[in-house]
Amino acid sequence: MITKREKLFLLSLIVVLTTAFLVTILSKKPEGYKKGVSEEGDRAVAVAQLVYQRRVTEGVDLSTGPCLSNDLMPGWVADLVHSPRQPVDDLPENQCVAFQEGRARHFVELDLKGNVVRAK
């Protein structure tokens, strides 16, 4: 026969394990860019990285995470963000206007070193 104390222990264990499981599932970050999933996405990433390299060569200050291009490709923008993301990345002046206004539906986010953070 299970004692009251053992029942309480089992119930507590179930609650802890369920909570741990839910936290793990719900806190997963969205997956980043995966090369080869979308030809258009791969092209957009390649163009974004070219634009990034051009800006670096021109000596443009990219430390605040500005928009790199409002017309990267039809329907695409390129934005520079910190990794991990910082509040400065959410400032409207550091985001692509074309995406905010709905003129572009897709974006490539590069970190301050030109690495892909997300492409969507």
N, C-alpha and C. Protein backbone atom coordinates (compact mmCIF):
# COMPACT_ATOMS: atom_id res chain seq x y z
N MET A 1 0.84 -1.18 0.00
CA MET A 1 0.00 0.00 0.00
C MET A 1 0.89 1.25 0.00
N ILE A 2 0.53 2.23 -0.80
CA ILE A 2 1.31 3.47 -0.91
C ILE A 2 0.86 4.42 0.20
N THR A 3 1.83 4.95 0.90
CA THR A 3 1.51 5.87 1.99
C THR A 3 1.19 7.25 1.43
N LYS A 4 0.62 8.08 2.26
CA LYS A 4 0.26 9.44 1.88
C LYS A 4 1.53 10.22 1.48
N ARG A 5 2.61 9.97 2.20
CA ARG A 5 3.88 10.64 1.92
C ARG A 5 4.41 10.24 0.54
N GLU A 6 4.31 8.97 0.19
CA GLU A 6 4.78 8.49 -1.11
C GLU A 6 3.92 9.06 -2.24
N LYS A 7 2.60 9.15 -2.01
CA LYS A 7 1.71 9.75 -3.01
C LYS A 7 2.08 11.21 -3.26
N LEU A 8 2.35 11.94 -2.19
CA LEU A 8 2.73 13.34 -2.31
C LEU A 8 4.06 13.47 -3.06
N PHE A 9 5.00 12.58 -2.77
CA PHE A 9 6.29 12.59 -3.46
C PHE A 9 6.09 12.33 -4.96
N LEU A 10 5.30 11.32 -5.30
CA LEU A 10 5.04 11.00 -6.71
C LEU A 10 4.35 12.15 -7.43
N LEU A 11 3.37 12.76 -6.79
CA LEU A 11 2.68 13.90 -7.37
C LEU A 11 3.66 15.05 -7.62
N SER A 12 4.51 15.33 -6.64
CA SER A 12 5.52 16.39 -6.78
C SER A 12 6.46 16.08 -7.93
N LEU A 13 6.89 14.84 -8.03
CA LEU A 13 7.79 14.42 -9.10
C LEU A 13 7.13 14.60 -10.47
N ILE A 14 5.88 14.24 -10.59
CA ILE A 14 5.14 14.41 -11.84
C ILE A 14 5.05 15.88 -12.22
N VAL A 15 4.75 16.73 -11.25
CA VAL A 15 4.64 18.17 -11.51
C VAL A 15 5.98 18.73 -11.97
N VAL A 16 7.06 18.36 -11.30
CA VAL A 16 8.39 18.85 -11.67
C VAL A 16 8.78 18.39 -13.07
N LEU A 17 8.58 17.13 -13.37
CA LEU A 17 8.94 16.60 -14.69
C LEU A 17 8.09 17.22 -15.80
N THR A 18 6.81 17.38 -15.54
CA THR A 18 5.92 18.00 -16.53
C THR A 18 6.34 19.45 -16.78
N THR A 19 6.64 20.18 -15.73
CA THR A 19 7.07 21.57 -15.86
C THR A 19 8.37 21.66 -16.65
N ALA A 20 9.32 20.80 -16.32
CA ALA A 20 10.61 20.79 -17.03
C ALA A 20 10.40 20.50 -18.52
N PHE A 21 9.55 19.55 -18.82
CA PHE A 21 9.26 19.21 -20.21
C PHE A 21 8.64 20.39 -20.95
N LEU A 22 7.64 21.01 -20.35
CA LEU A 22 6.98 22.15 -21.00
C LEU A 22 7.92 23.34 -21.19
N VAL A 23 8.73 23.62 -20.20
CA VAL A 23 9.70 24.73 -20.33
C VAL A 23 10.65 24.45 -21.48
N THR A 24 11.12 23.22 -21.59
CA THR A 24 12.04 22.85 -22.66
C THR A 24 11.38 23.01 -24.03
N ILE A 25 10.18 22.54 -24.16
CA ILE A 25 9.48 22.61 -25.44
C ILE A 25 9.13 24.05 -25.80
N LEU A 26 8.60 24.80 -24.87
CA LEU A 26 8.12 26.16 -25.15
C LEU A 26 9.24 27.18 -25.28
N SER A 27 10.41 26.90 -24.77
CA SER A 27 11.49 27.89 -24.82
C SER A 27 12.44 27.67 -25.97
N LYS A 28 12.14 26.74 -26.84
CA LYS A 28 13.02 26.51 -27.98
C LYS A 28 12.98 27.72 -28.91
N LYS A 29 14.18 28.15 -29.33
CA LYS A 29 14.28 29.26 -30.26
C LYS A 29 13.83 28.79 -31.64
N PRO A 30 13.29 29.75 -32.42
CA PRO A 30 12.98 29.36 -33.79
C PRO A 30 14.28 28.99 -34.50
N GLU A 31 14.18 28.02 -35.37
CA GLU A 31 15.38 27.58 -36.06
C GLU A 31 15.88 28.68 -36.98
N GLY A 32 17.17 28.76 -37.10
CA GLY A 32 17.79 29.75 -37.97
C GLY A 32 17.75 29.30 -39.42
N TYR A 33 18.52 29.96 -40.19
CA TYR A 33 18.61 29.68 -41.61
C TYR A 33 19.26 28.33 -41.85
N LYS A 34 18.71 27.58 -42.78
CA LYS A 34 19.28 26.30 -43.20
C LYS A 34 19.50 26.35 -44.70
N LYS A 35 20.77 26.29 -45.07
CA LYS A 35 21.13 26.33 -46.48
C LYS A 35 20.52 25.15 -47.22
N GLY A 36 20.05 25.40 -48.45
CA GLY A 36 19.52 24.35 -49.29
C GLY A 36 18.04 24.09 -49.16
N VAL A 37 17.38 24.73 -48.20
CA VAL A 37 15.94 24.52 -48.03
C VAL A 37 15.17 25.30 -49.09
N SER A 38 15.64 26.50 -49.41
CA SER A 38 14.96 27.35 -50.37
C SER A 38 15.99 28.01 -51.29
N GLU A 39 15.83 27.80 -52.58
CA GLU A 39 16.74 28.41 -53.55
C GLU A 39 16.69 29.93 -53.45
N GLU A 40 15.48 30.46 -53.34
CA GLU A 40 15.32 31.91 -53.23
C GLU A 40 15.97 32.42 -51.94
N GLY A 41 15.78 31.71 -50.84
CA GLY A 41 16.40 32.09 -49.57
C GLY A 41 17.92 32.05 -49.66
N ASP A 42 18.45 31.02 -50.31
CA ASP A 42 19.91 30.92 -50.48
C ASP A 42 20.44 32.10 -51.29
N ARG A 43 19.71 32.47 -52.36
CA ARG A 43 20.12 33.63 -53.17
C ARG A 43 20.08 34.91 -52.34
N ALA A 44 19.02 35.07 -51.55
CA ALA A 44 18.87 36.26 -50.72
C ALA A 44 20.01 36.36 -49.71
N VAL A 45 20.38 35.26 -49.11
CA VAL A 45 21.48 35.25 -48.15
C VAL A 45 22.78 35.64 -48.85
N ALA A 46 23.04 35.07 -50.01
CA ALA A 46 24.27 35.38 -50.74
C ALA A 46 24.34 36.86 -51.10
N VAL A 47 23.23 37.41 -51.57
CA VAL A 47 23.20 38.84 -51.91
C VAL A 47 23.37 39.69 -50.66
N ALA A 48 22.73 39.31 -49.57
CA ALA A 48 22.85 40.07 -48.32
C ALA A 48 24.30 40.10 -47.85
N GLN A 49 24.98 38.96 -47.97
CA GLN A 49 26.38 38.92 -47.54
C GLN A 49 27.27 39.76 -48.45
N LEU A 50 26.94 39.83 -49.73
CA LEU A 50 27.67 40.72 -50.64
C LEU A 50 27.46 42.18 -50.27
N VAL A 51 26.22 42.55 -49.97
CA VAL A 51 25.91 43.92 -49.55
C VAL A 51 26.66 44.24 -48.26
N TYR A 52 26.67 43.29 -47.32
CA TYR A 52 27.38 43.48 -46.06
C TYR A 52 28.87 43.76 -46.34
N GLN A 53 29.49 42.92 -47.16
CA GLN A 53 30.91 43.10 -47.47
C GLN A 53 31.18 44.45 -48.12
N ARG A 54 30.28 44.88 -49.00
CA ARG A 54 30.42 46.18 -49.64
C ARG A 54 30.39 47.30 -48.61
N ARG A 55 29.45 47.22 -47.66
CA ARG A 55 29.34 48.25 -46.61
C ARG A 55 30.61 48.29 -45.75
N VAL A 56 31.12 47.10 -45.39
CA VAL A 56 32.34 47.03 -44.58
C VAL A 56 33.50 47.67 -45.35
N THR A 57 33.63 47.35 -46.63
CA THR A 57 34.69 47.91 -47.46
C THR A 57 34.57 49.43 -47.56
N GLU A 58 33.34 49.92 -47.60
CA GLU A 58 33.10 51.38 -47.68
C GLU A 58 33.35 52.06 -46.33
N GLY A 59 33.54 51.30 -45.28
CA GLY A 59 33.79 51.87 -43.96
C GLY A 59 32.54 52.34 -43.23
N VAL A 60 31.38 51.83 -43.62
CA VAL A 60 30.11 52.21 -42.99
C VAL A 60 30.07 51.64 -41.57
N ASP A 61 29.62 52.46 -40.60
CA ASP A 61 29.48 52.01 -39.21
C ASP A 61 28.24 51.13 -39.11
N LEU A 62 28.45 49.87 -38.82
CA LEU A 62 27.35 48.91 -38.73
C LEU A 62 27.04 48.51 -37.30
N SER A 63 27.64 49.18 -36.33
CA SER A 63 27.53 48.76 -34.93
C SER A 63 26.13 48.90 -34.35
N THR A 64 25.28 49.73 -34.94
CA THR A 64 23.92 49.90 -34.40
C THR A 64 22.91 48.97 -35.07
N GLY A 65 23.37 48.15 -36.01
CA GLY A 65 22.47 47.20 -36.65
C GLY A 65 21.50 47.85 -37.61
N PRO A 66 21.99 48.65 -38.55
CA PRO A 66 21.08 49.31 -39.49
C PRO A 66 20.54 48.36 -40.55
N CYS A 67 19.53 48.82 -41.24
CA CYS A 67 19.02 48.08 -42.40
C CYS A 67 20.11 48.12 -43.47
N LEU A 68 20.42 46.98 -44.04
CA LEU A 68 21.43 46.93 -45.10
C LEU A 68 20.82 47.21 -46.46
N SER A 69 19.60 46.75 -46.69
CA SER A 69 18.96 46.96 -47.99
C SER A 69 17.45 46.80 -47.87
N ASN A 70 16.73 47.79 -48.38
CA ASN A 70 15.27 47.71 -48.43
C ASN A 70 14.78 46.99 -49.68
N ASP A 71 15.68 46.77 -50.63
CA ASP A 71 15.30 46.08 -51.86
C ASP A 71 16.40 45.10 -52.27
N LEU A 72 16.68 44.19 -51.38
CA LEU A 72 17.71 43.18 -51.60
C LEU A 72 17.42 42.39 -52.87
N MET A 73 16.19 41.91 -52.96
CA MET A 73 15.63 41.21 -54.11
C MET A 73 14.14 41.52 -54.05
N PRO A 74 13.39 41.24 -55.10
CA PRO A 74 11.95 41.50 -55.01
C PRO A 74 11.34 40.81 -53.78
N GLY A 75 10.76 41.61 -52.88
CA GLY A 75 10.10 41.09 -51.70
C GLY A 75 11.02 40.79 -50.53
N TRP A 76 12.30 41.11 -50.63
CA TRP A 76 13.29 40.79 -49.60
C TRP A 76 14.03 42.04 -49.13
N VAL A 77 14.35 42.06 -47.83
CA VAL A 77 15.20 43.09 -47.25
C VAL A 77 16.35 42.39 -46.52
N ALA A 78 17.38 43.16 -46.21
CA ALA A 78 18.50 42.62 -45.43
C ALA A 78 18.71 43.54 -44.24
N ASP A 79 18.73 42.97 -43.07
CA ASP A 79 18.87 43.74 -41.84
C ASP A 79 20.05 43.20 -41.04
N LEU A 80 20.71 44.09 -40.33
CA LEU A 80 21.83 43.72 -39.49
C LEU A 80 21.37 43.74 -38.04
N VAL A 81 21.64 42.67 -37.30
CA VAL A 81 21.21 42.56 -35.90
C VAL A 81 22.36 42.04 -35.05
N HIS A 82 22.26 42.28 -33.77
CA HIS A 82 23.23 41.72 -32.84
C HIS A 82 22.84 40.27 -32.55
N SER A 83 23.81 39.48 -32.20
CA SER A 83 23.54 38.09 -31.84
C SER A 83 24.27 37.80 -30.54
N PRO A 84 23.53 37.67 -29.44
CA PRO A 84 22.07 37.67 -29.33
C PRO A 84 21.48 39.08 -29.55
N ARG A 85 20.24 39.07 -29.89
CA ARG A 85 19.51 40.29 -30.20
C ARG A 85 19.53 41.26 -29.02
N GLN A 86 19.66 42.57 -29.32
CA GLN A 86 19.68 43.61 -28.30
C GLN A 86 18.56 44.61 -28.57
N PRO A 87 18.17 45.40 -27.57
CA PRO A 87 17.09 46.38 -27.77
C PRO A 87 17.32 47.33 -28.95
N VAL A 88 18.56 47.67 -29.24
CA VAL A 88 18.85 48.57 -30.36
C VAL A 88 18.37 47.96 -31.69
N ASP A 89 18.31 46.64 -31.78
CA ASP A 89 17.86 45.97 -33.00
C ASP A 89 16.37 46.18 -33.26
N ASP A 90 15.62 46.51 -32.21
CA ASP A 90 14.18 46.70 -32.35
C ASP A 90 13.78 48.15 -32.61
N LEU A 91 14.75 49.06 -32.64
CA LEU A 91 14.44 50.46 -32.92
C LEU A 91 14.05 50.61 -34.38
N PRO A 92 12.96 51.33 -34.65
CA PRO A 92 12.51 51.49 -36.04
C PRO A 92 13.59 52.03 -36.97
N GLU A 93 14.44 52.94 -36.48
CA GLU A 93 15.48 53.50 -37.36
C GLU A 93 16.55 52.47 -37.73
N ASN A 94 16.56 51.33 -37.06
CA ASN A 94 17.52 50.28 -37.37
C ASN A 94 16.88 49.09 -38.08
N GLN A 95 15.65 49.26 -38.50
CA GLN A 95 14.95 48.19 -39.20
C GLN A 95 14.62 48.64 -40.61
N CYS A 96 14.41 47.69 -41.46
CA CYS A 96 14.11 48.00 -42.86
C CYS A 96 12.68 48.50 -43.02
N VAL A 97 12.57 49.68 -43.57
CA VAL A 97 11.26 50.34 -43.76
C VAL A 97 10.37 49.51 -44.67
N ALA A 98 10.95 48.93 -45.71
CA ALA A 98 10.14 48.15 -46.66
C ALA A 98 9.45 46.97 -45.96
N PHE A 99 10.11 46.36 -44.99
CA PHE A 99 9.49 45.26 -44.25
C PHE A 99 8.43 45.79 -43.29
N GLN A 100 8.72 46.88 -42.61
CA GLN A 100 7.76 47.47 -41.67
C GLN A 100 6.48 47.88 -42.39
N GLU A 101 6.62 48.40 -43.59
CA GLU A 101 5.46 48.89 -44.35
C GLU A 101 4.77 47.78 -45.14
N GLY A 102 5.32 46.60 -45.13
CA GLY A 102 4.70 45.48 -45.84
C GLY A 102 5.06 45.40 -47.31
N ARG A 103 5.99 46.23 -47.79
CA ARG A 103 6.41 46.17 -49.19
C ARG A 103 7.31 44.96 -49.44
N ALA A 104 7.91 44.45 -48.38
CA ALA A 104 8.72 43.23 -48.45
C ALA A 104 8.15 42.24 -47.44
N ARG A 105 8.12 40.99 -47.82
CA ARG A 105 7.56 39.97 -46.92
C ARG A 105 8.64 39.05 -46.36
N HIS A 106 9.84 39.16 -46.88
CA HIS A 106 10.93 38.28 -46.46
C HIS A 106 12.13 39.11 -46.01
N PHE A 107 12.93 38.51 -45.15
CA PHE A 107 14.12 39.22 -44.68
C PHE A 107 15.28 38.27 -44.45
N VAL A 108 16.47 38.84 -44.54
CA VAL A 108 17.69 38.16 -44.14
C VAL A 108 18.26 38.98 -43.01
N GLU A 109 18.54 38.35 -41.88
CA GLU A 109 19.20 39.02 -40.77
C GLU A 109 20.62 38.47 -40.67
N LEU A 110 21.58 39.39 -40.69
CA LEU A 110 22.98 39.04 -40.51
C LEU A 110 23.45 39.62 -39.19
N ASP A 111 24.41 38.96 -38.55
CA ASP A 111 24.97 39.54 -37.33
C ASP A 111 26.05 40.56 -37.72
N LEU A 112 26.67 41.18 -36.74
CA LEU A 112 27.63 42.24 -37.00
C LEU A 112 28.90 41.76 -37.72
N LYS A 113 29.06 40.45 -37.81
CA LYS A 113 30.22 39.88 -38.52
C LYS A 113 29.82 39.36 -39.90
N GLY A 114 28.54 39.52 -40.27
CA GLY A 114 28.08 39.07 -41.58
C GLY A 114 27.58 37.65 -41.62
N ASN A 115 27.47 37.01 -40.46
CA ASN A 115 26.94 35.64 -40.41
C ASN A 115 25.42 35.66 -40.40
N VAL A 116 24.83 34.66 -41.00
CA VAL A 116 23.37 34.58 -41.07
C VAL A 116 22.80 34.26 -39.68
N VAL A 117 21.84 35.08 -39.26
CA VAL A 117 21.09 34.83 -38.03
C VAL A 117 19.77 34.15 -38.39
N ARG A 118 19.06 34.77 -39.33
CA ARG A 118 17.78 34.22 -39.80
C ARG A 118 17.54 34.64 -41.23
N ALA A 119 16.82 33.83 -41.94
CA ALA A 119 16.31 34.19 -43.27
C ALA A 119 14.92 33.61 -43.34
N LYS A 120 13.98 34.45 -43.62
CA LYS A 120 12.58 34.01 -43.55
C LYS A 120 11.77 34.70 -44.62
